[in-house]
PDB file of N, CA and C in Angstrom:
ATOM      1  N   UNK A   1      10.899  -6.065   0.779  1.00  0.00           N
ATOM      2  CA  UNK A   1      11.765  -6.204  -0.366  1.00  0.00           C
ATOM      3  C   UNK A   1      11.457  -7.482  -1.141  1.00  0.00           C
ATOM      4  N   UNK A   2      11.189  -8.579  -0.431  1.00  0.00           N
ATOM      5  CA  UNK A   2      10.904  -9.844  -1.100  1.00  0.00           C
ATOM      6  C   UNK A   2       9.651  -9.725  -1.960  1.00  0.00           C
ATOM      7  N   UNK A   3       8.649  -9.023  -1.475  1.00  0.00           N
ATOM      8  CA  UNK A   3       7.411  -8.871  -2.236  1.00  0.00           C
ATOM      9  C   UNK A   3       7.688  -8.104  -3.526  1.00  0.00           C
ATOM     10  N   UNK A   4       8.463  -7.040  -3.441  1.00  0.00           N
ATOM     11  CA  UNK A   4       8.795  -6.252  -4.632  1.00  0.00           C
ATOM     12  C   UNK A   4       9.582  -7.109  -5.620  1.00  0.00           C
ATOM     13  N   UNK A   5      10.559  -7.839  -5.135  1.00  0.00           N
ATOM     14  CA  UNK A   5      11.388  -8.700  -5.995  1.00  0.00           C
ATOM     15  C   UNK A   5      10.536  -9.759  -6.675  1.00  0.00           C
ATOM     16  N   UNK A   6       9.684 -10.443  -5.923  1.00  0.00           N
ATOM     17  CA  UNK A   6       8.828 -11.481  -6.502  1.00  0.00           C
ATOM     18  C   UNK A   6       7.856 -10.895  -7.526  1.00  0.00           C
ATOM     19  N   UNK A   7       7.312  -9.732  -7.215  1.00  0.00           N
ATOM     20  CA  UNK A   7       6.389  -9.097  -8.141  1.00  0.00           C
ATOM     21  C   UNK A   7       7.092  -8.769  -9.453  1.00  0.00           C
ATOM     22  N   UNK A   8       8.271  -8.174  -9.365  1.00  0.00           N
ATOM     23  CA  UNK A   8       9.026  -7.837 -10.572  1.00  0.00           C
ATOM     24  C   UNK A   8       9.334  -9.089 -11.382  1.00  0.00           C
ATOM     25  N   UNK A   9       9.745 -10.146 -10.719  1.00  0.00           N
ATOM     26  CA  UNK A   9      10.080 -11.386 -11.426  1.00  0.00           C
ATOM     27  C   UNK A   9       8.867 -12.005 -12.116  1.00  0.00           C
ATOM     28  N   UNK A  10       7.676 -11.766 -11.584  1.00  0.00           N
ATOM     29  CA  UNK A  10       6.474 -12.348 -12.193  1.00  0.00           C
ATOM     30  C   UNK A  10       6.229 -11.787 -13.597  1.00  0.00           C
ATOM     31  N   UNK A  11       6.751 -10.608 -13.881  1.00  0.00           N
ATOM     32  CA  UNK A  11       6.559 -10.005 -15.204  1.00  0.00           C
ATOM     33  C   UNK A  11       7.462 -10.612 -16.270  1.00  0.00           C
ATOM     34  N   UNK A  12       8.436 -11.432 -15.877  1.00  0.00           N
ATOM     35  CA  UNK A  12       9.309 -12.072 -16.861  1.00  0.00           C
ATOM     36  C   UNK A  12       8.527 -12.983 -17.801  1.00  0.00           C
ATOM     37  N   UNK A  13       7.334 -13.379 -17.393  1.00  0.00           N
ATOM     38  CA  UNK A  13       6.488 -14.224 -18.238  1.00  0.00           C
ATOM     39  C   UNK A  13       5.948 -13.452 -19.442  1.00  0.00           C
ATOM     40  N   UNK A  14       5.876 -12.115 -19.317  1.00  0.00           N
ATOM     41  CA  UNK A  14       5.211 -11.330 -20.361  1.00  0.00           C
ATOM     42  C   UNK A  14       6.076 -10.230 -20.980  1.00  0.00           C
ATOM     43  N   UNK A  15       7.266 -10.021 -20.461  1.00  0.00           N
ATOM     44  CA  UNK A  15       8.144  -9.008 -21.029  1.00  0.00           C
ATOM     45  C   UNK A  15       9.596  -9.356 -20.733  1.00  0.00           C
ATOM     46  N   UNK A  16      10.503  -8.552 -21.257  1.00  0.00           N
ATOM     47  CA  UNK A  16      11.934  -8.813 -21.097  1.00  0.00           C
ATOM     48  C   UNK A  16      12.473  -8.172 -19.828  1.00  0.00           C
ATOM     49  N   UNK A  17      13.542  -8.751 -19.299  1.00  0.00           N
ATOM     50  CA  UNK A  17      14.116  -8.289 -18.039  1.00  0.00           C
ATOM     51  C   UNK A  17      14.494  -6.811 -18.067  1.00  0.00           C
ATOM     52  N   UNK A  18      15.014  -6.321 -19.196  1.00  0.00           N
ATOM     53  CA  UNK A  18      15.431  -4.922 -19.253  1.00  0.00           C
ATOM     54  C   UNK A  18      14.255  -3.948 -19.211  1.00  0.00           C
ATOM     55  N   UNK A  19      13.029  -4.452 -19.371  1.00  0.00           N
ATOM     56  CA  UNK A  19      11.845  -3.605 -19.310  1.00  0.00           C
ATOM     57  C   UNK A  19      11.170  -3.627 -17.940  1.00  0.00           C
ATOM     58  N   UNK A  20      11.809  -4.277 -16.970  1.00  0.00           N
ATOM     59  CA  UNK A  20      11.299  -4.350 -15.600  1.00  0.00           C
ATOM     60  C   UNK A  20      12.232  -3.536 -14.711  1.00  0.00           C
ATOM     61  N   UNK A  21      11.700  -2.473 -14.128  1.00  0.00           N
ATOM     62  CA  UNK A  21      12.506  -1.576 -13.300  1.00  0.00           C
ATOM     63  C   UNK A  21      12.009  -1.604 -11.863  1.00  0.00           C
ATOM     64  N   UNK A  22      12.940  -1.644 -10.927  1.00  0.00           N
ATOM     65  CA  UNK A  22      12.598  -1.731  -9.506  1.00  0.00           C
ATOM     66  C   UNK A  22      13.274  -0.603  -8.744  1.00  0.00           C
ATOM     67  N   UNK A  23      12.489   0.100  -7.954  1.00  0.00           N
ATOM     68  CA  UNK A  23      13.011   1.094  -7.018  1.00  0.00           C
ATOM     69  C   UNK A  23      12.970   0.490  -5.624  1.00  0.00           C
ATOM     70  N   UNK A  24      14.002   0.746  -4.856  1.00  0.00           N
ATOM     71  CA  UNK A  24      14.031   0.295  -3.466  1.00  0.00           C
ATOM     72  C   UNK A  24      14.079   1.528  -2.573  1.00  0.00           C
ATOM     73  N   UNK A  25      13.791   1.367  -1.292  1.00  0.00           N
ATOM     74  CA  UNK A  25      13.889   2.535  -0.401  1.00  0.00           C
ATOM     75  C   UNK A  25      15.286   3.163  -0.429  1.00  0.00           C
ATOM     76  N   UNK A  26      16.302   2.346  -0.644  1.00  0.00           N
ATOM     77  CA  UNK A  26      17.677   2.844  -0.653  1.00  0.00           C
ATOM     78  C   UNK A  26      18.075   3.461  -1.988  1.00  0.00           C
ATOM     79  N   UNK A  27      17.456   3.002  -3.071  1.00  0.00           N
ATOM     80  CA  UNK A  27      17.869   3.445  -4.398  1.00  0.00           C
ATOM     81  C   UNK A  27      16.654   3.658  -5.295  1.00  0.00           C
ATOM     82  N   UNK A  28      16.333   4.917  -5.544  1.00  0.00           N
ATOM     83  CA  UNK A  28      15.212   5.257  -6.422  1.00  0.00           C
ATOM     84  C   UNK A  28      15.776   5.905  -7.678  1.00  0.00           C
ATOM     85  N   UNK A  29      15.720   5.163  -8.785  1.00  0.00           N
ATOM     86  CA  UNK A  29      16.281   5.706 -10.017  1.00  0.00           C
ATOM     87  C   UNK A  29      15.312   5.687 -11.197  1.00  0.00           C
ATOM     88  N   UNK A  30      14.202   4.992 -11.076  1.00  0.00           N
ATOM     89  CA  UNK A  30      13.247   4.908 -12.169  1.00  0.00           C
ATOM     90  C   UNK A  30      12.001   5.704 -11.800  1.00  0.00           C
ATOM     91  N   UNK A  31      11.678   6.714 -12.618  1.00  0.00           N
ATOM     92  CA  UNK A  31      10.533   7.551 -12.296  1.00  0.00           C
ATOM     93  C   UNK A  31       9.670   7.756 -13.532  1.00  0.00           C
ATOM     94  N   UNK A  32       8.443   8.124 -13.272  1.00  0.00           N
ATOM     95  CA  UNK A  32       7.510   8.487 -14.323  1.00  0.00           C
ATOM     96  C   UNK A  32       6.770   9.725 -13.825  1.00  0.00           C
ATOM     97  N   UNK A  33       6.918  10.799 -14.552  1.00  0.00           N
ATOM     98  CA  UNK A  33       6.303  12.087 -14.193  1.00  0.00           C
ATOM     99  C   UNK A  33       6.635  12.494 -12.759  1.00  0.00           C
ATOM    100  N   UNK A  34       7.858  12.260 -12.351  1.00  0.00           N
ATOM    101  CA  UNK A  34       8.305  12.662 -11.022  1.00  0.00           C
ATOM    102  C   UNK A  34       7.901  11.735  -9.893  1.00  0.00           C
ATOM    103  N   UNK A  35       7.252  10.629 -10.216  1.00  0.00           N
ATOM    104  CA  UNK A  35       6.832   9.655  -9.206  1.00  0.00           C
ATOM    105  C   UNK A  35       7.693   8.404  -9.324  1.00  0.00           C
ATOM    106  N   UNK A  36       7.937   7.777  -8.200  1.00  0.00           N
ATOM    107  CA  UNK A  36       8.805   6.596  -8.148  1.00  0.00           C
ATOM    108  C   UNK A  36       8.028   5.362  -7.685  1.00  0.00           C
ATOM    109  N   UNK A  37       7.467   4.594  -8.629  1.00  0.00           N
ATOM    110  CA  UNK A  37       6.781   3.363  -8.221  1.00  0.00           C
ATOM    111  C   UNK A  37       7.807   2.338  -7.741  1.00  0.00           C
ATOM    112  N   UNK A  38       7.348   1.377  -6.958  1.00  0.00           N
ATOM    113  CA  UNK A  38       8.250   0.311  -6.519  1.00  0.00           C
ATOM    114  C   UNK A  38       8.649  -0.575  -7.698  1.00  0.00           C
ATOM    115  N   UNK A  39       7.678  -0.832  -8.572  1.00  0.00           N
ATOM    116  CA  UNK A  39       7.926  -1.629  -9.773  1.00  0.00           C
ATOM    117  C   UNK A  39       7.312  -0.882 -10.955  1.00  0.00           C
ATOM    118  N   UNK A  40       8.073  -0.777 -12.035  1.00  0.00           N
ATOM    119  CA  UNK A  40       7.570  -0.175 -13.261  1.00  0.00           C
ATOM    120  C   UNK A  40       7.961  -1.109 -14.406  1.00  0.00           C
ATOM    121  N   UNK A  41       6.975  -1.440 -15.241  1.00  0.00           N
ATOM    122  CA  UNK A  41       7.195  -2.410 -16.309  1.00  0.00           C
ATOM    123  C   UNK A  41       6.709  -1.828 -17.633  1.00  0.00           C
ATOM    124  N   UNK A  42       7.582  -1.889 -18.625  1.00  0.00           N
ATOM    125  CA  UNK A  42       7.177  -1.529 -19.980  1.00  0.00           C
ATOM    126  C   UNK A  42       6.799  -2.830 -20.689  1.00  0.00           C
ATOM    127  N   UNK A  43       5.528  -2.953 -20.991  1.00  0.00           N
ATOM    128  CA  UNK A  43       5.037  -4.171 -21.634  1.00  0.00           C
ATOM    129  C   UNK A  43       5.383  -4.143 -23.120  1.00  0.00           C
ATOM    130  N   UNK A  44       5.386  -5.308 -23.736  1.00  0.00           N
ATOM    131  CA  UNK A  44       5.678  -5.389 -25.174  1.00  0.00           C
ATOM    132  C   UNK A  44       4.639  -4.648 -26.001  1.00  0.00           C
ATOM    133  N   UNK A  45       3.463  -4.435 -25.448  1.00  0.00           N
ATOM    134  CA  UNK A  45       2.392  -3.713 -26.140  1.00  0.00           C
ATOM    135  C   UNK A  45       2.614  -2.200 -26.112  1.00  0.00           C
ATOM    136  N   UNK A  46       3.619  -1.765 -25.330  1.00  0.00           N
ATOM    137  CA  UNK A  46       3.872  -0.330 -25.198  1.00  0.00           C
ATOM    138  C   UNK A  46       3.274   0.262 -23.936  1.00  0.00           C
ATOM    139  N   UNK A  47       2.410  -0.487 -23.291  1.00  0.00           N
ATOM    140  CA  UNK A  47       1.802  -0.012 -22.049  1.00  0.00           C
ATOM    141  C   UNK A  47       2.831  -0.002 -20.921  1.00  0.00           C
ATOM    142  N   UNK A  48       2.595   0.845 -19.936  1.00  0.00           N
ATOM    143  CA  UNK A  48       3.419   0.868 -18.727  1.00  0.00           C
ATOM    144  C   UNK A  48       2.555   0.459 -17.550  1.00  0.00           C
ATOM    145  N   UNK A  49       3.059  -0.456 -16.749  1.00  0.00           N
ATOM    146  CA  UNK A  49       2.382  -0.895 -15.532  1.00  0.00           C
ATOM    147  C   UNK A  49       3.215  -0.396 -14.354  1.00  0.00           C
ATOM    148  N   UNK A  50       2.561   0.193 -13.379  1.00  0.00           N
ATOM    149  CA  UNK A  50       3.246   0.675 -12.178  1.00  0.00           C
ATOM    150  C   UNK A  50       2.654  -0.025 -10.967  1.00  0.00           C
ATOM    151  N   UNK A  51       3.516  -0.359 -10.020  1.00  0.00           N
ATOM    152  CA  UNK A  51       3.059  -0.954  -8.766  1.00  0.00           C
ATOM    153  C   UNK A  51       3.660  -0.204  -7.591  1.00  0.00           C
ATOM    154  N   UNK A  52       2.831  -0.007  -6.590  1.00  0.00           N
ATOM    155  CA  UNK A  52       3.293   0.484  -5.297  1.00  0.00           C
ATOM    156  C   UNK A  52       2.946  -0.602  -4.291  1.00  0.00           C
ATOM    157  N   UNK A  53       3.958  -1.050  -3.564  1.00  0.00           N
ATOM    158  CA  UNK A  53       3.762  -2.096  -2.570  1.00  0.00           C
ATOM    159  C   UNK A  53       3.745  -1.451  -1.192  1.00  0.00           C
ATOM    160  N   UNK A  54       2.667  -1.675  -0.476  1.00  0.00           N
ATOM    161  CA  UNK A  54       2.545  -1.171   0.889  1.00  0.00           C
ATOM    162  C   UNK A  54       2.664  -2.343   1.863  1.00  0.00           C
ATOM    163  N   UNK A  55       3.032  -2.023   3.079  1.00  0.00           N
ATOM    164  CA  UNK A  55       3.140  -3.019   4.141  1.00  0.00           C
ATOM    165  C   UNK A  55       2.084  -2.713   5.194  1.00  0.00           C
ATOM    166  N   UNK A  56       2.031  -3.525   6.220  1.00  0.00           N
ATOM    167  CA  UNK A  56       1.066  -3.274   7.293  1.00  0.00           C
ATOM    168  C   UNK A  56       1.299  -1.920   7.937  1.00  0.00           C
ATOM    169  N   UNK A  57       2.544  -1.467   7.980  1.00  0.00           N
ATOM    170  CA  UNK A  57       2.841  -0.183   8.627  1.00  0.00           C
ATOM    171  C   UNK A  57       2.770   1.006   7.679  1.00  0.00           C
ATOM    172  N   UNK A  58       2.914   0.781   6.349  1.00  0.00           N
ATOM    173  CA  UNK A  58       2.887   1.927   5.430  1.00  0.00           C
ATOM    174  C   UNK A  58       1.517   2.188   4.815  1.00  0.00           C
ATOM    175  N   UNK A  59       0.607   1.240   4.907  1.00  0.00           N
ATOM    176  CA  UNK A  59      -0.743   1.459   4.378  1.00  0.00           C
ATOM    177  C   UNK A  59      -1.448   2.439   5.298  1.00  0.00           C
ATOM    178  N   UNK A  60      -1.640   3.670   4.808  1.00  0.00           N
ATOM    179  CA  UNK A  60      -2.193   4.713   5.675  1.00  0.00           C
ATOM    180  C   UNK A  60      -2.855   5.803   4.838  1.00  0.00           C
ATOM    181  N   UNK A  61      -3.704   6.554   5.484  1.00  0.00           N
ATOM    182  CA  UNK A  61      -4.374   7.686   4.854  1.00  0.00           C
ATOM    183  C   UNK A  61      -3.370   8.651   4.241  1.00  0.00           C
ATOM    184  N   UNK A  62      -2.215   8.776   4.853  1.00  0.00           N
ATOM    185  CA  UNK A  62      -1.190   9.698   4.357  1.00  0.00           C
ATOM    186  C   UNK A  62      -0.671   9.318   2.972  1.00  0.00           C
ATOM    187  N   UNK A  63      -0.932   8.108   2.519  1.00  0.00           N
ATOM    188  CA  UNK A  63      -0.465   7.649   1.208  1.00  0.00           C
ATOM    189  C   UNK A  63      -1.470   7.906   0.087  1.00  0.00           C
ATOM    190  N   UNK A  64      -2.695   8.263   0.431  1.00  0.00           N
ATOM    191  CA  UNK A  64      -3.766   8.365  -0.557  1.00  0.00           C
ATOM    192  C   UNK A  64      -3.432   9.359  -1.672  1.00  0.00           C
ATOM    193  N   UNK A  65      -2.877  10.508  -1.347  1.00  0.00           N
ATOM    194  CA  UNK A  65      -2.552  11.499  -2.389  1.00  0.00           C
ATOM    195  C   UNK A  65      -1.518  10.942  -3.365  1.00  0.00           C
ATOM    196  N   UNK A  66      -0.564  10.187  -2.867  1.00  0.00           N
ATOM    197  CA  UNK A  66       0.434   9.560  -3.743  1.00  0.00           C
ATOM    198  C   UNK A  66      -0.253   8.578  -4.688  1.00  0.00           C
ATOM    199  N   UNK A  67      -1.161   7.769  -4.162  1.00  0.00           N
ATOM    200  CA  UNK A  67      -1.867   6.804  -5.008  1.00  0.00           C
ATOM    201  C   UNK A  67      -2.693   7.516  -6.066  1.00  0.00           C
ATOM    202  N   UNK A  68      -3.350   8.601  -5.681  1.00  0.00           N
ATOM    203  CA  UNK A  68      -4.146   9.377  -6.651  1.00  0.00           C
ATOM    204  C   UNK A  68      -3.258   9.900  -7.772  1.00  0.00           C
ATOM    205  N   UNK A  69      -2.066  10.357  -7.430  1.00  0.00           N
ATOM    206  CA  UNK A  69      -1.137  10.878  -8.439  1.00  0.00           C
ATOM    207  C   UNK A  69      -0.736   9.775  -9.413  1.00  0.00           C
ATOM    208  N   UNK A  70      -0.448   8.584  -8.914  1.00  0.00           N
ATOM    209  CA  UNK A  70      -0.126   7.465  -9.800  1.00  0.00           C
ATOM    210  C   UNK A  70      -1.317   7.123 -10.686  1.00  0.00           C
ATOM    211  N   UNK A  71      -2.495   7.026 -10.099  1.00  0.00           N
ATOM    212  CA  UNK A  71      -3.698   6.657 -10.855  1.00  0.00           C
ATOM    213  C   UNK A  71      -4.009   7.687 -11.936  1.00  0.00           C
ATOM    214  N   UNK A  72      -3.701   8.959 -11.678  1.00  0.00           N
ATOM    215  CA  UNK A  72      -4.008  10.029 -12.627  1.00  0.00           C
ATOM    216  C   UNK A  72      -3.111   9.999 -13.871  1.00  0.00           C
ATOM    217  N   UNK A  73      -2.022   9.251 -13.832  1.00  0.00           N
ATOM    218  CA  UNK A  73      -1.110   9.212 -14.977  1.00  0.00           C
ATOM    219  C   UNK A  73      -1.711   8.487 -16.179  1.00  0.00           C
ATOM    220  N   UNK A  74      -2.744   7.680 -15.935  1.00  0.00           N
ATOM    221  CA  UNK A  74      -3.408   6.999 -17.034  1.00  0.00           C
ATOM    222  C   UNK A  74      -2.822   5.648 -17.396  1.00  0.00           C
ATOM    223  N   UNK A  75      -1.754   5.246 -16.723  1.00  0.00           N
ATOM    224  CA  UNK A  75      -1.182   3.915 -16.925  1.00  0.00           C
ATOM    225  C   UNK A  75      -1.864   2.932 -15.988  1.00  0.00           C
ATOM    226  N   UNK A  76      -1.641   1.653 -16.224  1.00  0.00           N
ATOM    227  CA  UNK A  76      -2.167   0.664 -15.290  1.00  0.00           C
ATOM    228  C   UNK A  76      -1.440   0.834 -13.955  1.00  0.00           C
ATOM    229  N   UNK A  77      -2.210   0.965 -12.884  1.00  0.00           N
ATOM    230  CA  UNK A  77      -1.627   1.183 -11.563  1.00  0.00           C
ATOM    231  C   UNK A  77      -2.158   0.138 -10.599  1.00  0.00           C
ATOM    232  N   UNK A  78      -1.226  -0.598  -9.979  1.00  0.00           N
ATOM    233  CA  UNK A  78      -1.589  -1.633  -9.015  1.00  0.00           C
ATOM    234  C   UNK A  78      -1.084  -1.226  -7.636  1.00  0.00           C
ATOM    235  N   UNK A  79      -1.987  -1.229  -6.694  1.00  0.00           N
ATOM    236  CA  UNK A  79      -1.643  -1.024  -5.293  1.00  0.00           C
ATOM    237  C   UNK A  79      -1.612  -2.402  -4.662  1.00  0.00           C
ATOM    238  N   UNK A  80      -0.457  -2.796  -4.175  1.00  0.00           N
ATOM    239  CA  UNK A  80      -0.255  -4.146  -3.651  1.00  0.00           C
ATOM    240  C   UNK A  80      -0.121  -4.050  -2.138  1.00  0.00           C
ATOM    241  N   UNK A  81      -1.014  -4.739  -1.426  1.00  0.00           N
ATOM    242  CA  UNK A  81      -1.100  -4.596   0.030  1.00  0.00           C
ATOM    243  C   UNK A  81      -1.128  -5.964   0.712  1.00  0.00           C
ATOM    244  N   UNK A  82      -0.784  -6.007   1.992  1.00  0.00           N
ATOM    245  CA  UNK A  82      -0.906  -7.278   2.719  1.00  0.00           C
ATOM    246  C   UNK A  82      -2.358  -7.751   2.734  1.00  0.00           C
ATOM    247  N   UNK A  83      -2.548  -9.054   2.625  1.00  0.00           N
ATOM    248  CA  UNK A  83      -3.899  -9.609   2.641  1.00  0.00           C
ATOM    249  C   UNK A  83      -4.659  -9.168   3.887  1.00  0.00           C
ATOM    250  N   UNK A  84      -3.967  -9.049   5.004  1.00  0.00           N
ATOM    251  CA  UNK A  84      -4.625  -8.640   6.244  1.00  0.00           C
ATOM    252  C   UNK A  84      -5.144  -7.207   6.199  1.00  0.00           C
ATOM    253  N   UNK A  85      -4.705  -6.427   5.203  1.00  0.00           N
ATOM    254  CA  UNK A  85      -5.105  -5.019   5.090  1.00  0.00           C
ATOM    255  C   UNK A  85      -5.934  -4.733   3.846  1.00  0.00           C
ATOM    256  N   UNK A  86      -6.400  -5.777   3.158  1.00  0.00           N
ATOM    257  CA  UNK A  86      -7.116  -5.570   1.900  1.00  0.00           C
ATOM    258  C   UNK A  86      -8.382  -4.735   2.080  1.00  0.00           C
ATOM    259  N   UNK A  87      -9.126  -4.970   3.128  1.00  0.00           N
ATOM    260  CA  UNK A  87     -10.349  -4.191   3.334  1.00  0.00           C
ATOM    261  C   UNK A  87     -10.023  -2.728   3.636  1.00  0.00           C
ATOM    262  N   UNK A  88      -8.979  -2.484   4.415  1.00  0.00           N
ATOM    263  CA  UNK A  88      -8.544  -1.110   4.678  1.00  0.00           C
ATOM    264  C   UNK A  88      -8.149  -0.427   3.371  1.00  0.00           C
ATOM    265  N   UNK A  89      -7.414  -1.140   2.526  1.00  0.00           N
ATOM    266  CA  UNK A  89      -6.969  -0.566   1.252  1.00  0.00           C
ATOM    267  C   UNK A  89      -8.162  -0.238   0.363  1.00  0.00           C
ATOM    268  N   UNK A  90      -9.118  -1.139   0.304  1.00  0.00           N
ATOM    269  CA  UNK A  90     -10.315  -0.878  -0.512  1.00  0.00           C
ATOM    270  C   UNK A  90     -11.042   0.359  -0.013  1.00  0.00           C
ATOM    271  N   UNK A  91     -11.157   0.503   1.296  1.00  0.00           N
ATOM    272  CA  UNK A  91     -11.833   1.672   1.862  1.00  0.00           C
ATOM    273  C   UNK A  91     -11.066   2.961   1.548  1.00  0.00           C
ATOM    274  N   UNK A  92      -9.753   2.910   1.627  1.00  0.00           N
ATOM    275  CA  UNK A  92      -8.932   4.094   1.361  1.00  0.00           C
ATOM    276  C   UNK A  92      -8.922   4.487  -0.112  1.00  0.00           C
ATOM    277  N   UNK A  93      -9.202   3.546  -1.005  1.00  0.00           N
ATOM    278  CA  UNK A  93      -9.126   3.844  -2.435  1.00  0.00           C
ATOM    279  C   UNK A  93     -10.482   4.119  -3.080  1.00  0.00           C
ATOM    280  N   UNK A  94     -11.539   4.146  -2.301  1.00  0.00           N
ATOM    281  CA  UNK A  94     -12.857   4.463  -2.852  1.00  0.00           C
ATOM    282  C   UNK A  94     -12.779   5.825  -3.543  1.00  0.00           C
ATOM    283  N   UNK A  95     -13.258   5.884  -4.768  1.00  0.00           N
ATOM    284  CA  UNK A  95     -13.269   7.138  -5.507  1.00  0.00           C
ATOM    285  C   UNK A  95     -12.003   7.417  -6.307  1.00  0.00           C
ATOM    286  N   UNK A  96     -11.018   6.541  -6.215  1.00  0.00           N
ATOM    287  CA  UNK A  96      -9.809   6.717  -7.024  1.00  0.00           C
ATOM    288  C   UNK A  96      -9.977   5.862  -8.280  1.00  0.00           C
ATOM    289  N   UNK A  97     -10.101   6.498  -9.440  1.00  0.00           N
ATOM    290  CA  UNK A  97     -10.250   5.704 -10.666  1.00  0.00           C
ATOM    291  C   UNK A  97      -8.913   5.100 -11.076  1.00  0.00           C
ATOM    292  N   UNK A  98      -8.969   4.089 -11.905  1.00  0.00           N
ATOM    293  CA  UNK A  98      -7.768   3.476 -12.494  1.00  0.00           C
ATOM    294  C   UNK A  98      -6.805   2.887 -11.472  1.00  0.00           C
ATOM    295  N   UNK A  99      -7.344   2.346 -10.388  1.00  0.00           N
ATOM    296  CA  UNK A  99      -6.484   1.715  -9.395  1.00  0.00           C
ATOM    297  C   UNK A  99      -6.934   0.263  -9.227  1.00  0.00           C
ATOM    298  N   UNK A 100      -5.982  -0.628  -9.192  1.00  0.00           N
ATOM    299  CA  UNK A 100      -6.257  -2.049  -9.051  1.00  0.00           C
ATOM    300  C   UNK A 100      -5.598  -2.495  -7.744  1.00  0.00           C
ATOM    301  N   UNK A 101      -6.413  -2.827  -6.750  1.00  0.00           N
ATOM    302  CA  UNK A 101      -5.887  -3.247  -5.453  1.00  0.00           C
ATOM    303  C   UNK A 101      -5.685  -4.755  -5.461  1.00  0.00           C
ATOM    304  N   UNK A 102      -4.467  -5.173  -5.145  1.00  0.00           N
ATOM    305  CA  UNK A 102      -4.132  -6.588  -5.077  1.00  0.00           C
ATOM    306  C   UNK A 102      -3.502  -6.883  -3.730  1.00  0.00           C
ATOM    307  N   UNK A 103      -3.493  -8.152  -3.357  1.00  0.00           N
ATOM    308  CA  UNK A 103      -2.988  -8.509  -2.032  1.00  0.00           C
ATOM    309  C   UNK A 103      -1.924  -9.588  -2.113  1.00  0.00           C
ATOM    310  N   UNK A 104      -1.104  -9.599  -1.070  1.00  0.00           N
ATOM    311  CA  UNK A 104      -0.079 -10.622  -0.921  1.00  0.00           C
ATOM    312  C   UNK A 104      -0.051 -11.091   0.525  1.00  0.00           C
ATOM    313  N   UNK A 105       0.505 -12.261   0.704  1.00  0.00           N
ATOM    314  CA  UNK A 105       0.727 -12.794   2.042  1.00  0.00           C
ATOM    315  C   UNK A 105       2.053 -13.561   1.991  1.00  0.00           C
ATOM    316  N   UNK A 106       2.895 -13.334   2.967  1.00  0.00           N
ATOM    317  CA  UNK A 106       4.173 -14.046   3.031  1.00  0.00           C
ATOM    318  C   UNK A 106       4.048 -15.127   4.102  1.00  0.00           C
ATOM    319  N   UNK A 107       4.237 -16.375   3.667  1.00  0.00           N
ATOM    320  CA  UNK A 107       4.165 -17.525   4.561  1.00  0.00           C
ATOM    321  C   UNK A 107       5.411 -18.369   4.325  1.00  0.00           C
ATOM    322  N   UNK A 108       6.162 -18.606   5.387  1.00  0.00           N
ATOM    323  CA  UNK A 108       7.387 -19.409   5.284  1.00  0.00           C
ATOM    324  C   UNK A 108       8.299 -18.901   4.162  1.00  0.00           C
ATOM    325  N   UNK A 109       8.461 -17.591   4.105  1.00  0.00           N
ATOM    326  CA  UNK A 109       9.339 -16.930   3.135  1.00  0.00           C
ATOM    327  C   UNK A 109       8.869 -17.079   1.689  1.00  0.00           C
ATOM    328  N   UNK A 110       7.618 -17.470   1.499  1.00  0.00           N
ATOM    329  CA  UNK A 110       7.022 -17.575   0.163  1.00  0.00           C
ATOM    330  C   UNK A 110       5.944 -16.518   0.027  1.00  0.00           C
ATOM    331  N   UNK A 111       5.932 -15.815  -1.098  1.00  0.00           N
ATOM    332  CA  UNK A 111       4.904 -14.806  -1.340  1.00  0.00           C
ATOM    333  C   UNK A 111       3.741 -15.464  -2.063  1.00  0.00           C
ATOM    334  N   UNK A 112       2.559 -15.315  -1.506  1.00  0.00           N
ATOM    335  CA  UNK A 112       1.327 -15.809  -2.122  1.00  0.00           C
ATOM    336  C   UNK A 112       0.532 -14.592  -2.581  1.00  0.00           C
ATOM    337  N   UNK A 113       0.052 -14.644  -3.820  1.00  0.00           N
ATOM    338  CA  UNK A 113      -0.632 -13.505  -4.443  1.00  0.00           C
ATOM    339  C   UNK A 113      -2.129 -13.736  -4.482  1.00  0.00           C
ATOM    340  N   UNK A 114      -2.880 -12.666  -4.293  1.00  0.00           N
ATOM    341  CA  UNK A 114      -4.341 -12.707  -4.358  1.00  0.00           C
ATOM    342  C   UNK A 114      -4.770 -11.579  -5.266  1.00  0.00           C
ATOM    343  N   UNK A 115      -5.599 -11.892  -6.257  1.00  0.00           N
ATOM    344  CA  UNK A 115      -5.999 -10.895  -7.235  1.00  0.00           C
ATOM    345  C   UNK A 115      -5.339 -11.210  -8.557  1.00  0.00           C
ATOM    346  N   UNK A 116      -5.438 -10.294  -9.489  1.00  0.00           N
ATOM    347  CA  UNK A 116      -4.863 -10.518 -10.822  1.00  0.00           C
ATOM    348  C   UNK A 116      -3.340 -10.500 -10.724  1.00  0.00           C
ATOM    349  N   UNK A 117      -2.699 -11.417 -11.407  1.00  0.00           N
ATOM    350  CA  UNK A 117      -1.234 -11.441 -11.484  1.00  0.00           C
ATOM    351  C   UNK A 117      -0.856 -11.790 -12.889  1.00  0.00           C
TER     352      UNK A 117
END
């Protein structure tokens, strides 16, 4: 949850709060074409950015079809994974166009980002 919250807050630098939507496991209310990203942002340029945040336990082959569906929408799609799983994520996403794999690491309750932010 902290990673999703921090990621959403990072977009305040480039867009307004009302254009940043967050879905949680308990409450999914923001969707695009029937899919529920963890973070969805409407940029001032009109573009939509979607993020799916995976954890060490959720990063799995079973998620690949979901990622492909997000990538196929044509919007910017970021797959955000633990730094310890970045190589696994890269291997799982080979052949998926329009996907940007980024990493995070939580140290002392602080989220550190690796990749474009």
